[in-house]
């Protein structure tokens, strides 16, 4: 089986300090729990499985400290792009279920 993963990527500083990401993810978790849906998203620091050369980064991240929200739900990632704005979105496939320590 092949899994399609979608992600929103930005600097750690932006996602952790400049945006209300904690609130967004908490609300999304509550939404899933209220509908008895399994969590299908992860917040990952320094995602080493993403090929950064594929992206036109409009900002310079001197310390290369990136963070990503990974999900099986493409619509959620597209909504994050609209909600947060300054993120790069992309996708990848894998034959295994996502593990955040990859």
PDB file of N, CA and C in Angstrom:
ATOM      1  N   UNK A   1       0.841  -1.177   0.000  1.00  0.00           N
ATOM      2  CA  UNK A   1       0.000   0.000   0.000  1.00  0.00           C
ATOM      3  C   UNK A   1       0.889   1.244   0.000  1.00  0.00           C
ATOM      4  N   UNK A   2       0.493   2.228  -0.768  1.00  0.00           N
ATOM      5  CA  UNK A   2       1.228   3.491  -0.833  1.00  0.00           C
ATOM      6  C   UNK A   2       0.390   4.573  -0.155  1.00  0.00           C
ATOM      7  N   UNK A   3       1.019   5.321   0.728  1.00  0.00           N
ATOM      8  CA  UNK A   3       0.353   6.412   1.432  1.00  0.00           C
ATOM      9  C   UNK A   3       0.772   7.736   0.811  1.00  0.00           C
ATOM     10  N   UNK A   4      -0.194   8.623   0.619  1.00  0.00           N
ATOM     11  CA  UNK A   4       0.086   9.977   0.134  1.00  0.00           C
ATOM     12  C   UNK A   4       0.086  10.915   1.330  1.00  0.00           C
ATOM     13  N   UNK A   5       1.196  11.600   1.517  1.00  0.00           N
ATOM     14  CA  UNK A   5       1.335  12.552   2.609  1.00  0.00           C
ATOM     15  C   UNK A   5       1.452  13.953   2.039  1.00  0.00           C
ATOM     16  N   UNK A   6       0.896  14.901   2.756  1.00  0.00           N
ATOM     17  CA  UNK A   6       0.925  16.304   2.358  1.00  0.00           C
ATOM     18  C   UNK A   6       1.518  17.076   3.524  1.00  0.00           C
ATOM     19  N   UNK A   7       2.208  18.169   3.223  1.00  0.00           N
ATOM     20  CA  UNK A   7       2.839  18.905   4.311  1.00  0.00           C
ATOM     21  C   UNK A   7       2.826  20.400   4.063  1.00  0.00           C
ATOM     22  N   UNK A   8       2.898  21.127   5.173  1.00  0.00           N
ATOM     23  CA  UNK A   8       3.101  22.573   5.179  1.00  0.00           C
ATOM     24  C   UNK A   8       4.417  22.793   5.910  1.00  0.00           C
ATOM     25  N   UNK A   9       5.319  23.536   5.294  1.00  0.00           N
ATOM     26  CA  UNK A   9       6.684  23.695   5.796  1.00  0.00           C
ATOM     27  C   UNK A   9       7.006  25.174   5.981  1.00  0.00           C
ATOM     28  N   UNK A  10       7.662  25.487   7.091  1.00  0.00           N
ATOM     29  CA  UNK A  10       8.123  26.855   7.358  1.00  0.00           C
ATOM     30  C   UNK A  10       9.247  26.780   8.389  1.00  0.00           C
ATOM     31  N   UNK A  11       9.793  27.930   8.723  1.00  0.00           N
ATOM     32  CA  UNK A  11      10.834  27.947   9.752  1.00  0.00           C
ATOM     33  C   UNK A  11      10.206  27.624  11.109  1.00  0.00           C
ATOM     34  N   UNK A  12      11.004  27.024  11.969  1.00  0.00           N
ATOM     35  CA  UNK A  12      10.523  26.726  13.322  1.00  0.00           C
ATOM     36  C   UNK A  12      10.099  28.002  14.029  1.00  0.00           C
ATOM     37  N   UNK A  13      10.897  29.048  13.888  1.00  0.00           N
ATOM     38  CA  UNK A  13      10.579  30.303  14.549  1.00  0.00           C
ATOM     39  C   UNK A  13       9.207  30.811  14.127  1.00  0.00           C
ATOM     40  N   UNK A  14       8.933  30.767  12.846  1.00  0.00           N
ATOM     41  CA  UNK A  14       7.645  31.248  12.348  1.00  0.00           C
ATOM     42  C   UNK A  14       6.494  30.420  12.914  1.00  0.00           C
ATOM     43  N   UNK A  15       6.597  29.103  12.817  1.00  0.00           N
ATOM     44  CA  UNK A  15       5.488  28.259  13.261  1.00  0.00           C
ATOM     45  C   UNK A  15       5.328  28.226  14.778  1.00  0.00           C
ATOM     46  N   UNK A  16       6.425  28.306  15.503  1.00  0.00           N
ATOM     47  CA  UNK A  16       6.340  28.202  16.959  1.00  0.00           C
ATOM     48  C   UNK A  16       6.123  29.536  17.660  1.00  0.00           C
ATOM     49  N   UNK A  17       6.615  30.626  17.072  1.00  0.00           N
ATOM     50  CA  UNK A  17       6.578  31.908  17.778  1.00  0.00           C
ATOM     51  C   UNK A  17       5.703  32.976  17.137  1.00  0.00           C
ATOM     52  N   UNK A  18       5.511  32.906  15.840  1.00  0.00           N
ATOM     53  CA  UNK A  18       4.793  33.980  15.164  1.00  0.00           C
ATOM     54  C   UNK A  18       3.368  33.620  14.772  1.00  0.00           C
ATOM     55  N   UNK A  19       3.030  32.370  14.768  1.00  0.00           N
ATOM     56  CA  UNK A  19       1.698  31.917  14.382  1.00  0.00           C
ATOM     57  C   UNK A  19       1.058  31.149  15.534  1.00  0.00           C
ATOM     58  N   UNK A  20      -0.274  31.183  15.623  1.00  0.00           N
ATOM     59  CA  UNK A  20      -0.968  30.445  16.695  1.00  0.00           C
ATOM     60  C   UNK A  20      -1.127  28.965  16.348  1.00  0.00           C
ATOM     61  N   UNK A  21      -0.030  28.323  15.956  1.00  0.00           N
ATOM     62  CA  UNK A  21      -0.097  26.940  15.491  1.00  0.00           C
ATOM     63  C   UNK A  21      -0.583  25.993  16.575  1.00  0.00           C
ATOM     64  N   UNK A  22      -0.156  26.215  17.803  1.00  0.00           N
ATOM     65  CA  UNK A  22      -0.589  25.345  18.901  1.00  0.00           C
ATOM     66  C   UNK A  22      -2.112  25.353  18.993  1.00  0.00           C
ATOM     67  N   UNK A  23      -2.706  26.519  18.877  1.00  0.00           N
ATOM     68  CA  UNK A  23      -4.164  26.641  18.937  1.00  0.00           C
ATOM     69  C   UNK A  23      -4.831  25.934  17.760  1.00  0.00           C
ATOM     70  N   UNK A  24      -4.284  26.113  16.574  1.00  0.00           N
ATOM     71  CA  UNK A  24      -4.831  25.483  15.369  1.00  0.00           C
ATOM     72  C   UNK A  24      -4.800  23.963  15.500  1.00  0.00           C
ATOM     73  N   UNK A  25      -3.669  23.411  15.936  1.00  0.00           N
ATOM     74  CA  UNK A  25      -3.548  21.959  16.063  1.00  0.00           C
ATOM     75  C   UNK A  25      -4.402  21.418  17.208  1.00  0.00           C
ATOM     76  N   UNK A  26      -4.524  22.177  18.283  1.00  0.00           N
ATOM     77  CA  UNK A  26      -5.384  21.761  19.397  1.00  0.00           C
ATOM     78  C   UNK A  26      -6.841  21.691  18.938  1.00  0.00           C
ATOM     79  N   UNK A  27      -7.293  22.725  18.204  1.00  0.00           N
ATOM     80  CA  UNK A  27      -8.663  22.730  17.697  1.00  0.00           C
ATOM     81  C   UNK A  27      -8.895  21.583  16.719  1.00  0.00           C
ATOM     82  N   UNK A  28      -7.910  21.300  15.894  1.00  0.00           N
ATOM     83  CA  UNK A  28      -8.033  20.197  14.935  1.00  0.00           C
ATOM     84  C   UNK A  28      -8.110  18.859  15.671  1.00  0.00           C
ATOM     85  N   UNK A  29      -7.317  18.702  16.728  1.00  0.00           N
ATOM     86  CA  UNK A  29      -7.355  17.484  17.534  1.00  0.00           C
ATOM     87  C   UNK A  29      -8.727  17.306  18.177  1.00  0.00           C
ATOM     88  N   UNK A  30      -9.274  18.378  18.738  1.00  0.00           N
ATOM     89  CA  UNK A  30     -10.607  18.315  19.346  1.00  0.00           C
ATOM     90  C   UNK A  30     -11.666  17.957  18.308  1.00  0.00           C
ATOM     91  N   UNK A  31     -11.557  18.528  17.121  1.00  0.00           N
ATOM     92  CA  UNK A  31     -12.478  18.234  16.025  1.00  0.00           C
ATOM     93  C   UNK A  31     -12.452  16.738  15.703  1.00  0.00           C
ATOM     94  N   UNK A  32     -11.255  16.168  15.595  1.00  0.00           N
ATOM     95  CA  UNK A  32     -11.118  14.742  15.301  1.00  0.00           C
ATOM     96  C   UNK A  32     -11.700  13.900  16.438  1.00  0.00           C
ATOM     97  N   UNK A  33     -11.410  14.263  17.672  1.00  0.00           N
ATOM     98  CA  UNK A  33     -11.893  13.503  18.819  1.00  0.00           C
ATOM     99  C   UNK A  33     -13.418  13.521  18.888  1.00  0.00           C
ATOM    100  N   UNK A  34     -14.023  14.663  18.618  1.00  0.00           N
ATOM    101  CA  UNK A  34     -15.479  14.781  18.650  1.00  0.00           C
ATOM    102  C   UNK A  34     -16.153  13.936  17.580  1.00  0.00           C
ATOM    103  N   UNK A  35     -15.425  13.605  16.538  1.00  0.00           N
ATOM    104  CA  UNK A  35     -15.966  12.795  15.442  1.00  0.00           C
ATOM    105  C   UNK A  35     -15.407  11.373  15.437  1.00  0.00           C
ATOM    106  N   UNK A  36     -14.732  11.015  16.528  1.00  0.00           N
ATOM    107  CA  UNK A  36     -14.121   9.682  16.661  1.00  0.00           C
ATOM    108  C   UNK A  36     -13.251   9.332  15.463  1.00  0.00           C
ATOM    109  N   UNK A  37     -12.504  10.305  15.002  1.00  0.00           N
ATOM    110  CA  UNK A  37     -11.612  10.118  13.862  1.00  0.00           C
ATOM    111  C   UNK A  37     -10.178   9.998  14.377  1.00  0.00           C
ATOM    112  N   UNK A  38      -9.413   9.094  13.790  1.00  0.00           N
ATOM    113  CA  UNK A  38      -8.008   8.941  14.165  1.00  0.00           C
ATOM    114  C   UNK A  38      -7.201  10.155  13.715  1.00  0.00           C
ATOM    115  N   UNK A  39      -6.252  10.547  14.547  1.00  0.00           N
ATOM    116  CA  UNK A  39      -5.366  11.659  14.208  1.00  0.00           C
ATOM    117  C   UNK A  39      -4.519  11.248  13.008  1.00  0.00           C
ATOM    118  N   UNK A  40      -4.535  12.066  11.966  1.00  0.00           N
ATOM    119  CA  UNK A  40      -3.765  11.766  10.752  1.00  0.00           C
ATOM    120  C   UNK A  40      -2.850  12.928  10.383  1.00  0.00           C
ATOM    121  N   UNK A  41      -2.382  13.630  11.420  1.00  0.00           N
ATOM    122  CA  UNK A  41      -1.438  14.717  11.182  1.00  0.00           C
ATOM    123  C   UNK A  41      -0.401  14.730  12.293  1.00  0.00           C
ATOM    124  N   UNK A  42       0.778  15.271  11.963  1.00  0.00           N
ATOM    125  CA  UNK A  42       1.905  15.301  12.883  1.00  0.00           C
ATOM    126  C   UNK A  42       2.633  16.627  12.727  1.00  0.00           C
ATOM    127  N   UNK A  43       3.181  17.128  13.823  1.00  0.00           N
ATOM    128  CA  UNK A  43       4.039  18.311  13.796  1.00  0.00           C
ATOM    129  C   UNK A  43       5.463  17.806  13.982  1.00  0.00           C
ATOM    130  N   UNK A  44       6.341  18.141  13.031  1.00  0.00           N
ATOM    131  CA  UNK A  44       7.694  17.588  13.019  1.00  0.00           C
ATOM    132  C   UNK A  44       8.721  18.712  12.951  1.00  0.00           C
ATOM    133  N   UNK A  45       9.699  18.670  13.842  1.00  0.00           N
ATOM    134  CA  UNK A  45      10.817  19.610  13.799  1.00  0.00           C
ATOM    135  C   UNK A  45      11.929  19.019  12.945  1.00  0.00           C
ATOM    136  N   UNK A  46      12.576  19.855  12.159  1.00  0.00           N
ATOM    137  CA  UNK A  46      13.692  19.445  11.294  1.00  0.00           C
ATOM    138  C   UNK A  46      13.373  18.190  10.474  1.00  0.00           C
ATOM    139  N   UNK A  47      12.365  18.271   9.619  1.00  0.00           N
ATOM    140  CA  UNK A  47      11.983  17.101   8.819  1.00  0.00           C
ATOM    141  C   UNK A  47      13.054  16.758   7.792  1.00  0.00           C
ATOM    142  N   UNK A  48      13.823  15.723   8.052  1.00  0.00           N
ATOM    143  CA  UNK A  48      14.947  15.377   7.180  1.00  0.00           C
ATOM    144  C   UNK A  48      14.538  14.558   5.959  1.00  0.00           C
ATOM    145  N   UNK A  49      13.272  14.233   5.825  1.00  0.00           N
ATOM    146  CA  UNK A  49      12.797  13.451   4.692  1.00  0.00           C
ATOM    147  C   UNK A  49      12.297  14.327   3.547  1.00  0.00           C
ATOM    148  N   UNK A  50      12.294  15.639   3.728  1.00  0.00           N
ATOM    149  CA  UNK A  50      11.826  16.557   2.691  1.00  0.00           C
ATOM    150  C   UNK A  50      13.020  17.065   1.893  1.00  0.00           C
ATOM    151  N   UNK A  51      12.920  16.993   0.580  1.00  0.00           N
ATOM    152  CA  UNK A  51      13.971  17.478  -0.321  1.00  0.00           C
ATOM    153  C   UNK A  51      13.769  18.981  -0.528  1.00  0.00           C
ATOM    154  N   UNK A  52      14.520  19.792   0.211  1.00  0.00           N
ATOM    155  CA  UNK A  52      14.347  21.243   0.172  1.00  0.00           C
ATOM    156  C   UNK A  52      14.727  21.843  -1.174  1.00  0.00           C
ATOM    157  N   UNK A  53      15.524  21.145  -1.961  1.00  0.00           N
ATOM    158  CA  UNK A  53      15.943  21.692  -3.255  1.00  0.00           C
ATOM    159  C   UNK A  53      14.772  21.830  -4.228  1.00  0.00           C
ATOM    160  N   UNK A  54      13.666  21.175  -3.940  1.00  0.00           N
ATOM    161  CA  UNK A  54      12.492  21.249  -4.813  1.00  0.00           C
ATOM    162  C   UNK A  54      11.681  22.523  -4.602  1.00  0.00           C
ATOM    163  N   UNK A  55      12.021  23.292  -3.593  1.00  0.00           N
ATOM    164  CA  UNK A  55      11.221  24.453  -3.237  1.00  0.00           C
ATOM    165  C   UNK A  55      11.962  25.747  -3.491  1.00  0.00           C
ATOM    166  N   UNK A  56      11.214  26.730  -3.932  1.00  0.00           N
ATOM    167  CA  UNK A  56      11.738  28.080  -4.094  1.00  0.00           C
ATOM    168  C   UNK A  56      11.470  28.822  -2.793  1.00  0.00           C
ATOM    169  N   UNK A  57      12.415  28.759  -1.894  1.00  0.00           N
ATOM    170  CA  UNK A  57      12.248  29.414  -0.599  1.00  0.00           C
ATOM    171  C   UNK A  57      12.509  30.905  -0.763  1.00  0.00           C
ATOM    172  N   UNK A  58      11.514  31.706  -0.426  1.00  0.00           N
ATOM    173  CA  UNK A  58      11.623  33.156  -0.562  1.00  0.00           C
ATOM    174  C   UNK A  58      12.282  33.807   0.642  1.00  0.00           C
ATOM    175  N   UNK A  59      12.677  33.022   1.583  1.00  0.00           N
ATOM    176  CA  UNK A  59      13.346  33.556   2.760  1.00  0.00           C
ATOM    177  C   UNK A  59      14.555  32.688   3.060  1.00  0.00           C
ATOM    178  N   UNK A  60      15.495  33.262   3.767  1.00  0.00           N
ATOM    179  CA  UNK A  60      16.698  32.516   4.119  1.00  0.00           C
ATOM    180  C   UNK A  60      16.593  32.083   5.569  1.00  0.00           C
ATOM    181  N   UNK A  61      16.717  30.826   5.800  1.00  0.00           N
ATOM    182  CA  UNK A  61      16.673  30.282   7.149  1.00  0.00           C
ATOM    183  C   UNK A  61      18.104  29.915   7.522  1.00  0.00           C
ATOM    184  N   UNK A  62      18.789  30.843   8.150  1.00  0.00           N
ATOM    185  CA  UNK A  62      20.218  30.720   8.413  1.00  0.00           C
ATOM    186  C   UNK A  62      20.572  29.447   9.173  1.00  0.00           C
ATOM    187  N   UNK A  63      19.805  29.115  10.189  1.00  0.00           N
ATOM    188  CA  UNK A  63      20.155  27.931  10.981  1.00  0.00           C
ATOM    189  C   UNK A  63      19.461  26.660  10.481  1.00  0.00           C
ATOM    190  N   UNK A  64      18.756  26.759   9.369  1.00  0.00           N
ATOM    191  CA  UNK A  64      18.075  25.607   8.764  1.00  0.00           C
ATOM    192  C   UNK A  64      17.159  24.878   9.736  1.00  0.00           C
ATOM    193  N   UNK A  65      16.520  25.604  10.626  1.00  0.00           N
ATOM    194  CA  UNK A  65      15.580  25.010  11.568  1.00  0.00           C
ATOM    195  C   UNK A  65      14.176  25.101  10.991  1.00  0.00           C
ATOM    196  N   UNK A  66      13.768  24.033  10.347  1.00  0.00           N
ATOM    197  CA  UNK A  66      12.451  23.989   9.740  1.00  0.00           C
ATOM    198  C   UNK A  66      11.518  23.138  10.575  1.00  0.00           C
ATOM    199  N   UNK A  67      10.235  23.333  10.334  1.00  0.00           N
ATOM    200  CA  UNK A  67       9.208  22.511  10.951  1.00  0.00           C
ATOM    201  C   UNK A  67       8.136  22.259   9.905  1.00  0.00           C
ATOM    202  N   UNK A  68       7.433  21.152  10.068  1.00  0.00           N
ATOM    203  CA  UNK A  68       6.393  20.802   9.106  1.00  0.00           C
ATOM    204  C   UNK A  68       5.196  20.200   9.821  1.00  0.00           C
ATOM    205  N   UNK A  69       4.035  20.445   9.246  1.00  0.00           N
ATOM    206  CA  UNK A  69       2.828  19.745   9.632  1.00  0.00           C
ATOM    207  C   UNK A  69       2.591  18.743   8.512  1.00  0.00           C
ATOM    208  N   UNK A  70       2.572  17.469   8.844  1.00  0.00           N
ATOM    209  CA  UNK A  70       2.395  16.385   7.880  1.00  0.00           C
ATOM    210  C   UNK A  70       0.995  15.822   8.077  1.00  0.00           C
ATOM    211  N   UNK A  71       0.305  15.501   6.988  1.00  0.00           N
ATOM    212  CA  UNK A  71      -1.041  14.946   7.108  1.00  0.00           C
ATOM    213  C   UNK A  71      -1.366  14.036   5.935  1.00  0.00           C
ATOM    214  N   UNK A  72      -2.293  13.140   6.166  1.00  0.00           N
ATOM    215  CA  UNK A  72      -2.848  12.330   5.086  1.00  0.00           C
ATOM    216  C   UNK A  72      -3.973  13.088   4.377  1.00  0.00           C
ATOM    217  N   UNK A  73      -4.405  14.196   4.958  1.00  0.00           N
ATOM    218  CA  UNK A  73      -5.542  14.974   4.457  1.00  0.00           C
ATOM    219  C   UNK A  73      -5.054  16.189   3.670  1.00  0.00           C
ATOM    220  N   UNK A  74      -5.128  16.103   2.364  1.00  0.00           N
ATOM    221  CA  UNK A  74      -4.675  17.189   1.491  1.00  0.00           C
ATOM    222  C   UNK A  74      -5.448  18.482   1.757  1.00  0.00           C
ATOM    223  N   UNK A  75      -6.749  18.364   2.009  1.00  0.00           N
ATOM    224  CA  UNK A  75      -7.567  19.553   2.260  1.00  0.00           C
ATOM    225  C   UNK A  75      -7.128  20.290   3.521  1.00  0.00           C
ATOM    226  N   UNK A  76      -6.723  19.553   4.546  1.00  0.00           N
ATOM    227  CA  UNK A  76      -6.244  20.177   5.775  1.00  0.00           C
ATOM    228  C   UNK A  76      -4.989  21.001   5.505  1.00  0.00           C
ATOM    229  N   UNK A  77      -4.060  20.455   4.739  1.00  0.00           N
ATOM    230  CA  UNK A  77      -2.823  21.173   4.427  1.00  0.00           C
ATOM    231  C   UNK A  77      -3.118  22.400   3.568  1.00  0.00           C
ATOM    232  N   UNK A  78      -4.024  22.276   2.613  1.00  0.00           N
ATOM    233  CA  UNK A  78      -4.399  23.435   1.799  1.00  0.00           C
ATOM    234  C   UNK A  78      -5.068  24.497   2.660  1.00  0.00           C
ATOM    235  N   UNK A  79      -5.887  24.081   3.627  1.00  0.00           N
ATOM    236  CA  UNK A  79      -6.513  25.023   4.542  1.00  0.00           C
ATOM    237  C   UNK A  79      -5.448  25.725   5.391  1.00  0.00           C
ATOM    238  N   UNK A  80      -4.435  24.964   5.855  1.00  0.00           N
ATOM    239  CA  UNK A  80      -3.343  25.573   6.623  1.00  0.00           C
ATOM    240  C   UNK A  80      -2.626  26.642   5.807  1.00  0.00           C
ATOM    241  N   UNK A  81      -2.416  26.375   4.526  1.00  0.00           N
ATOM    242  CA  UNK A  81      -1.763  27.352   3.644  1.00  0.00           C
ATOM    243  C   UNK A  81      -2.571  28.646   3.610  1.00  0.00           C
ATOM    244  N   UNK A  82      -3.880  28.529   3.516  1.00  0.00           N
ATOM    245  CA  UNK A  82      -4.742  29.716   3.518  1.00  0.00           C
ATOM    246  C   UNK A  82      -4.762  30.382   4.889  1.00  0.00           C
ATOM    247  N   UNK A  83      -4.791  29.585   5.951  1.00  0.00           N
ATOM    248  CA  UNK A  83      -4.905  30.104   7.319  1.00  0.00           C
ATOM    249  C   UNK A  83      -3.611  30.760   7.793  1.00  0.00           C
ATOM    250  N   UNK A  84      -2.482  30.103   7.526  1.00  0.00           N
ATOM    251  CA  UNK A  84      -1.197  30.590   8.023  1.00  0.00           C
ATOM    252  C   UNK A  84      -0.507  31.479   7.001  1.00  0.00           C
ATOM    253  N   UNK A  85      -0.602  31.125   5.751  1.00  0.00           N
ATOM    254  CA  UNK A  85      -0.045  31.971   4.694  1.00  0.00           C
ATOM    255  C   UNK A  85       1.387  31.677   4.320  1.00  0.00           C
ATOM    256  N   UNK A  86       2.317  32.011   5.164  1.00  0.00           N
ATOM    257  CA  UNK A  86       3.736  31.948   4.811  1.00  0.00           C
ATOM    258  C   UNK A  86       4.339  30.563   5.038  1.00  0.00           C
ATOM    259  N   UNK A  87       3.756  29.576   4.375  1.00  0.00           N
ATOM    260  CA  UNK A  87       4.273  28.215   4.413  1.00  0.00           C
ATOM    261  C   UNK A  87       4.393  27.710   2.982  1.00  0.00           C
ATOM    262  N   UNK A  88       5.246  26.735   2.800  1.00  0.00           N
ATOM    263  CA  UNK A  88       5.388  26.046   1.522  1.00  0.00           C
ATOM    264  C   UNK A  88       4.663  24.719   1.676  1.00  0.00           C
ATOM    265  N   UNK A  89       3.855  24.361   0.699  1.00  0.00           N
ATOM    266  CA  UNK A  89       3.179  23.075   0.783  1.00  0.00           C
ATOM    267  C   UNK A  89       3.737  22.119  -0.265  1.00  0.00           C
ATOM    268  N   UNK A  90       3.639  20.844   0.033  1.00  0.00           N
ATOM    269  CA  UNK A  90       4.134  19.827  -0.880  1.00  0.00           C
ATOM    270  C   UNK A  90       3.564  18.480  -0.505  1.00  0.00           C
ATOM    271  N   UNK A  91       4.078  17.461  -1.149  1.00  0.00           N
ATOM    272  CA  UNK A  91       3.595  16.113  -0.876  1.00  0.00           C
ATOM    273  C   UNK A  91       4.693  15.093  -1.142  1.00  0.00           C
ATOM    274  N   UNK A  92       4.517  13.928  -0.567  1.00  0.00           N
ATOM    275  CA  UNK A  92       5.407  12.804  -0.831  1.00  0.00           C
ATOM    276  C   UNK A  92       4.619  11.521  -0.625  1.00  0.00           C
ATOM    277  N   UNK A  93       5.127  10.427  -1.134  1.00  0.00           N
ATOM    278  CA  UNK A  93       4.491   9.129  -0.948  1.00  0.00           C
ATOM    279  C   UNK A  93       5.441   8.207  -0.200  1.00  0.00           C
ATOM    280  N   UNK A  94       4.851   7.243   0.475  1.00  0.00           N
ATOM    281  CA  UNK A  94       5.634   6.269   1.222  1.00  0.00           C
ATOM    282  C   UNK A  94       4.856   4.960   1.276  1.00  0.00           C
ATOM    283  N   UNK A  95       5.567   3.875   1.348  1.00  0.00           N
ATOM    284  CA  UNK A  95       4.914   2.577   1.484  1.00  0.00           C
ATOM    285  C   UNK A  95       4.652   2.222   2.942  1.00  0.00           C
ATOM    286  N   UNK A  96       5.069   3.094   3.853  1.00  0.00           N
ATOM    287  CA  UNK A  96       4.830   2.837   5.268  1.00  0.00           C
ATOM    288  C   UNK A  96       4.106   4.014   5.899  1.00  0.00           C
ATOM    289  N   UNK A  97       3.490   3.735   7.017  1.00  0.00           N
ATOM    290  CA  UNK A  97       2.803   4.783   7.758  1.00  0.00           C
ATOM    291  C   UNK A  97       3.848   5.725   8.327  1.00  0.00           C
ATOM    292  N   UNK A  98       3.533   6.999   8.373  1.00  0.00           N
ATOM    293  CA  UNK A  98       4.487   8.014   8.800  1.00  0.00           C
ATOM    294  C   UNK A  98       4.901   7.814  10.251  1.00  0.00           C
ATOM    295  N   UNK A  99       6.201   7.922  10.499  1.00  0.00           N
ATOM    296  CA  UNK A  99       6.758   7.928  11.846  1.00  0.00           C
ATOM    297  C   UNK A  99       7.563   9.206  11.982  1.00  0.00           C
ATOM    298  N   UNK A 100       7.273   9.988  12.986  1.00  0.00           N
ATOM    299  CA  UNK A 100       7.882  11.314  13.095  1.00  0.00           C
ATOM    300  C   UNK A 100       9.384  11.291  13.342  1.00  0.00           C
ATOM    301  N   UNK A 101       9.959  10.170  13.690  1.00  0.00           N
ATOM    302  CA  UNK A 101      11.399  10.129  13.954  1.00  0.00           C
ATOM    303  C   UNK A 101      12.205   9.670  12.743  1.00  0.00           C
ATOM    304  N   UNK A 102      11.637   9.758  11.549  1.00  0.00           N
ATOM    305  CA  UNK A 102      12.365   9.369  10.330  1.00  0.00           C
ATOM    306  C   UNK A 102      13.529  10.280  10.078  1.00  0.00           C
TER     307      UNK A 102
END
